[in-house]
Amino acid sequence: QVQLVESGGGLVQAGGSLRLSCVASGLTFSSYYMGWFRQAPGKEREFVVGISRSGGYTDYADSVKGRFTIARDNAKNTVYLQMNSLKPEDTAVYYCAAQSHGLYDYWGRGTQVTVSS
């Protein structure tokens, strides 16, 4: 079955960096647009960034532009999220998701990112 497994979350001070990874299995990874989302306590899940199947196109939420970078390695079935200059408001559970035909079909269980001030 399809699995998306996130890792790399943790506790970091404001201004610090983290790199999240999401390893996919059970699907043809290179056929899927991949996205990262996040959900903070008491808030709705929000889109963070997406990347096209080849990696040639990316789409960032305004709140993370210039600080976060998405990348993918289709040979390793992995999508990455490099997060720099982290802020307390970046604290959330981060999820990766796989999209085909305009819908996010598969979701990981998430990894917690906590940024202390």
C-alpha atoms as a PDB file:
ATOM      1  CA  GLN A   1       0.000   0.000   0.000  1.00  0.00           C
ATOM      2  CA  VAL A   2       1.013   3.618  -0.349  1.00  0.00           C
ATOM      3  CA  GLN A   3       3.024   5.088   2.488  1.00  0.00           C
ATOM      4  CA  LEU A   4       4.464   8.547   3.013  1.00  0.00           C
ATOM      5  CA  VAL A   5       6.754   8.781   6.009  1.00  0.00           C
ATOM      6  CA  GLU A   6       8.011  12.126   7.247  1.00  0.00           C
ATOM      7  CA  SER A   7      11.060  12.620   9.428  1.00  0.00           C
ATOM      8  CA  GLY A   8      13.398  15.372  10.570  1.00  0.00           C
ATOM      9  CA  GLY A   9      11.146  17.351  12.846  1.00  0.00           C
ATOM     10  CA  GLY A  10      12.204  18.504  16.281  1.00  0.00           C
ATOM     11  CA  LEU A  11      12.747  21.408  18.624  1.00  0.00           C
ATOM     12  CA  VAL A  12      14.818  24.338  17.407  1.00  0.00           C
ATOM     13  CA  GLN A  13      15.419  27.899  18.509  1.00  0.00           C
ATOM     14  CA  ALA A  14      14.132  30.823  16.494  1.00  0.00           C
ATOM     15  CA  GLY A  15      16.501  31.564  13.646  1.00  0.00           C
ATOM     16  CA  GLY A  16      17.560  27.951  13.392  1.00  0.00           C
ATOM     17  CA  SER A  17      17.129  25.394  10.640  1.00  0.00           C
ATOM     18  CA  LEU A  18      15.625  21.976  10.105  1.00  0.00           C
ATOM     19  CA  ARG A  19      15.454  19.657   7.139  1.00  0.00           C
ATOM     20  CA  LEU A  20      12.403  17.486   6.748  1.00  0.00           C
ATOM     21  CA  SER A  21      12.296  14.382   4.582  1.00  0.00           C
ATOM     22  CA  CYS A  22       9.375  12.397   3.244  1.00  0.00           C
ATOM     23  CA  VAL A  23       9.967   8.945   1.810  1.00  0.00           C
ATOM     24  CA  ALA A  24       7.263   7.490  -0.402  1.00  0.00           C
ATOM     25  CA  SER A  25       6.571   3.849  -1.150  1.00  0.00           C
ATOM     26  CA  GLY A  26       3.872   1.922  -2.960  1.00  0.00           C
ATOM     27  CA  LEU A  27       3.444   4.459  -5.728  1.00  0.00           C
ATOM     28  CA  THR A  28       5.241   5.700  -8.815  1.00  0.00           C
ATOM     29  CA  PHE A  29       6.793   8.661  -7.077  1.00  0.00           C
ATOM     30  CA  SER A  30       7.875  10.501 -10.191  1.00  0.00           C
ATOM     31  CA  SER A  31       4.255  10.612 -11.370  1.00  0.00           C
ATOM     32  CA  TYR A  32       3.097  12.664  -8.413  1.00  0.00           C
ATOM     33  CA  TYR A  33       3.185  16.340  -7.626  1.00  0.00           C
ATOM     34  CA  MET A  34       4.316  16.572  -4.007  1.00  0.00           C
ATOM     35  CA  GLY A  35       3.355  19.060  -1.361  1.00  0.00           C
ATOM     36  CA  TRP A  36       4.127  20.002   2.213  1.00  0.00           C
ATOM     37  CA  PHE A  37       1.376  21.218   4.511  1.00  0.00           C
ATOM     38  CA  ARG A  38       1.322  22.171   8.162  1.00  0.00           C
ATOM     39  CA  GLN A  39      -1.192  22.414  10.956  1.00  0.00           C
ATOM     40  CA  ALA A  40      -0.652  24.435  14.093  1.00  0.00           C
ATOM     41  CA  PRO A  41      -2.654  23.816  17.282  1.00  0.00           C
ATOM     42  CA  GLY A  42      -6.153  25.220  16.958  1.00  0.00           C
ATOM     43  CA  LYS A  43      -5.668  26.156  13.320  1.00  0.00           C
ATOM     44  CA  GLU A  44      -6.631  24.656  10.005  1.00  0.00           C
ATOM     45  CA  ARG A  45      -4.115  22.806   7.906  1.00  0.00           C
ATOM     46  CA  GLU A  46      -2.395  25.109   5.458  1.00  0.00           C
ATOM     47  CA  PHE A  47      -0.403  24.697   2.284  1.00  0.00           C
ATOM     48  CA  VAL A  48       3.308  25.374   2.609  1.00  0.00           C
ATOM     49  CA  VAL A  49       4.926  24.431  -0.680  1.00  0.00           C
ATOM     50  CA  GLY A  50       4.530  22.176  -3.701  1.00  0.00           C
ATOM     51  CA  ILE A  51       6.874  20.745  -6.314  1.00  0.00           C
ATOM     52  CA  SER A  52       6.170  19.372  -9.763  1.00  0.00           C
ATOM     53  CA  ARG A  53       6.934  15.826 -10.837  1.00  0.00           C
ATOM     54  CA  SER A  54      10.256  16.736 -12.385  1.00  0.00           C
ATOM     55  CA  GLY A  55      11.135  19.290  -9.724  1.00  0.00           C
ATOM     56  CA  GLY A  56      11.249  22.082 -12.252  1.00  0.00           C
ATOM     57  CA  TYR A  57       8.318  24.010 -10.818  1.00  0.00           C
ATOM     58  CA  THR A  58       7.747  25.021  -7.215  1.00  0.00           C
ATOM     59  CA  ASP A  59       5.020  26.985  -5.486  1.00  0.00           C
ATOM     60  CA  TYR A  60       5.525  28.553  -2.059  1.00  0.00           C
ATOM     61  CA  ALA A  61       3.149  30.087   0.422  1.00  0.00           C
ATOM     62  CA  ASP A  62       4.003  33.739   0.982  1.00  0.00           C
ATOM     63  CA  SER A  63       4.719  33.055   4.647  1.00  0.00           C
ATOM     64  CA  VAL A  64       7.701  30.825   3.839  1.00  0.00           C
ATOM     65  CA  LYS A  65       9.116  32.352   0.654  1.00  0.00           C
ATOM     66  CA  GLY A  66      12.824  33.018   0.954  1.00  0.00           C
ATOM     67  CA  ARG A  67      13.148  30.828   4.052  1.00  0.00           C
ATOM     68  CA  PHE A  68      12.006  27.359   2.979  1.00  0.00           C
ATOM     69  CA  THR A  69      13.213  25.309   0.024  1.00  0.00           C
ATOM     70  CA  ILE A  70      11.609  22.201  -1.387  1.00  0.00           C
ATOM     71  CA  ALA A  71      13.472  19.602  -3.419  1.00  0.00           C
ATOM     72  CA  ARG A  72      12.889  16.062  -4.557  1.00  0.00           C
ATOM     73  CA  ASP A  73      14.984  13.070  -5.543  1.00  0.00           C
ATOM     74  CA  ASN A  74      12.929  10.774  -7.725  1.00  0.00           C
ATOM     75  CA  ALA A  75      15.606   8.080  -7.604  1.00  0.00           C
ATOM     76  CA  LYS A  76      15.166   7.936  -3.826  1.00  0.00           C
ATOM     77  CA  ASN A  77      11.383   8.488  -3.776  1.00  0.00           C
ATOM     78  CA  THR A  78      12.007  11.354  -1.406  1.00  0.00           C
ATOM     79  CA  VAL A  79      10.922  14.956  -1.077  1.00  0.00           C
ATOM     80  CA  TYR A  80      12.743  17.367   1.204  1.00  0.00           C
ATOM     81  CA  LEU A  81      11.886  20.598   2.941  1.00  0.00           C
ATOM     82  CA  GLN A  82      14.801  22.744   4.049  1.00  0.00           C
ATOM     83  CA  MET A  83      13.588  25.269   6.588  1.00  0.00           C
ATOM     84  CA  ASN A  84      15.829  28.182   7.508  1.00  0.00           C
ATOM     85  CA  SER A  85      15.331  31.282   9.649  1.00  0.00           C
ATOM     86  CA  LEU A  86      12.611  29.486  11.560  1.00  0.00           C
ATOM     87  CA  LYS A  87      10.111  31.519  13.540  1.00  0.00           C
ATOM     88  CA  PRO A  88       7.874  30.525  16.461  1.00  0.00           C
ATOM     89  CA  GLU A  89       4.893  30.845  14.129  1.00  0.00           C
ATOM     90  CA  ASP A  90       6.338  28.002  12.047  1.00  0.00           C
ATOM     91  CA  THR A  91       5.541  25.632  14.917  1.00  0.00           C
ATOM     92  CA  ALA A  92       3.199  22.959  13.591  1.00  0.00           C
ATOM     93  CA  VAL A  93       2.879  19.375  12.514  1.00  0.00           C
ATOM     94  CA  TYR A  94       4.247  19.139   8.989  1.00  0.00           C
ATOM     95  CA  TYR A  95       2.737  16.711   6.507  1.00  0.00           C
ATOM     96  CA  CYS A  96       3.796  15.645   3.064  1.00  0.00           C
ATOM     97  CA  ALA A  97       1.212  14.692   0.481  1.00  0.00           C
ATOM     98  CA  ALA A  98       1.107  13.262  -3.032  1.00  0.00           C
ATOM     99  CA  GLN A  99      -1.133  14.751  -5.671  1.00  0.00           C
ATOM    100  CA  SER A 100      -2.412  13.449  -8.976  1.00  0.00           C
ATOM    101  CA  HIS A 101      -5.063  14.987 -11.203  1.00  0.00           C
ATOM    102  CA  GLY A 102      -5.391  17.994  -8.943  1.00  0.00           C
ATOM    103  CA  LEU A 103      -6.200  16.132  -5.727  1.00  0.00           C
ATOM    104  CA  TYR A 104      -3.930  15.177  -2.861  1.00  0.00           C
ATOM    105  CA  ASP A 105      -4.561  11.443  -2.727  1.00  0.00           C
ATOM    106  CA  TYR A 106      -2.070  10.340  -0.105  1.00  0.00           C
ATOM    107  CA  TRP A 107      -0.860  11.859   3.149  1.00  0.00           C
ATOM    108  CA  GLY A 108       1.817  11.083   5.681  1.00  0.00           C
ATOM    109  CA  ARG A 109       1.254  11.045   9.426  1.00  0.00           C
ATOM    110  CA  GLY A 110       3.268  14.161  10.010  1.00  0.00           C
ATOM    111  CA  THR A 111       6.327  15.284  11.935  1.00  0.00           C
ATOM    112  CA  GLN A 112       6.295  17.867  14.722  1.00  0.00           C
ATOM    113  CA  VAL A 113       8.303  21.052  14.337  1.00  0.00           C
ATOM    114  CA  THR A 114       8.581  23.284  17.381  1.00  0.00           C
ATOM    115  CA  VAL A 115      10.357  26.629  17.254  1.00  0.00           C
ATOM    116  CA  SER A 116      11.135  28.275  20.567  1.00  0.00           C
ATOM    117  CA  SER A 117      11.505  32.025  20.968  1.00  0.00           C
END
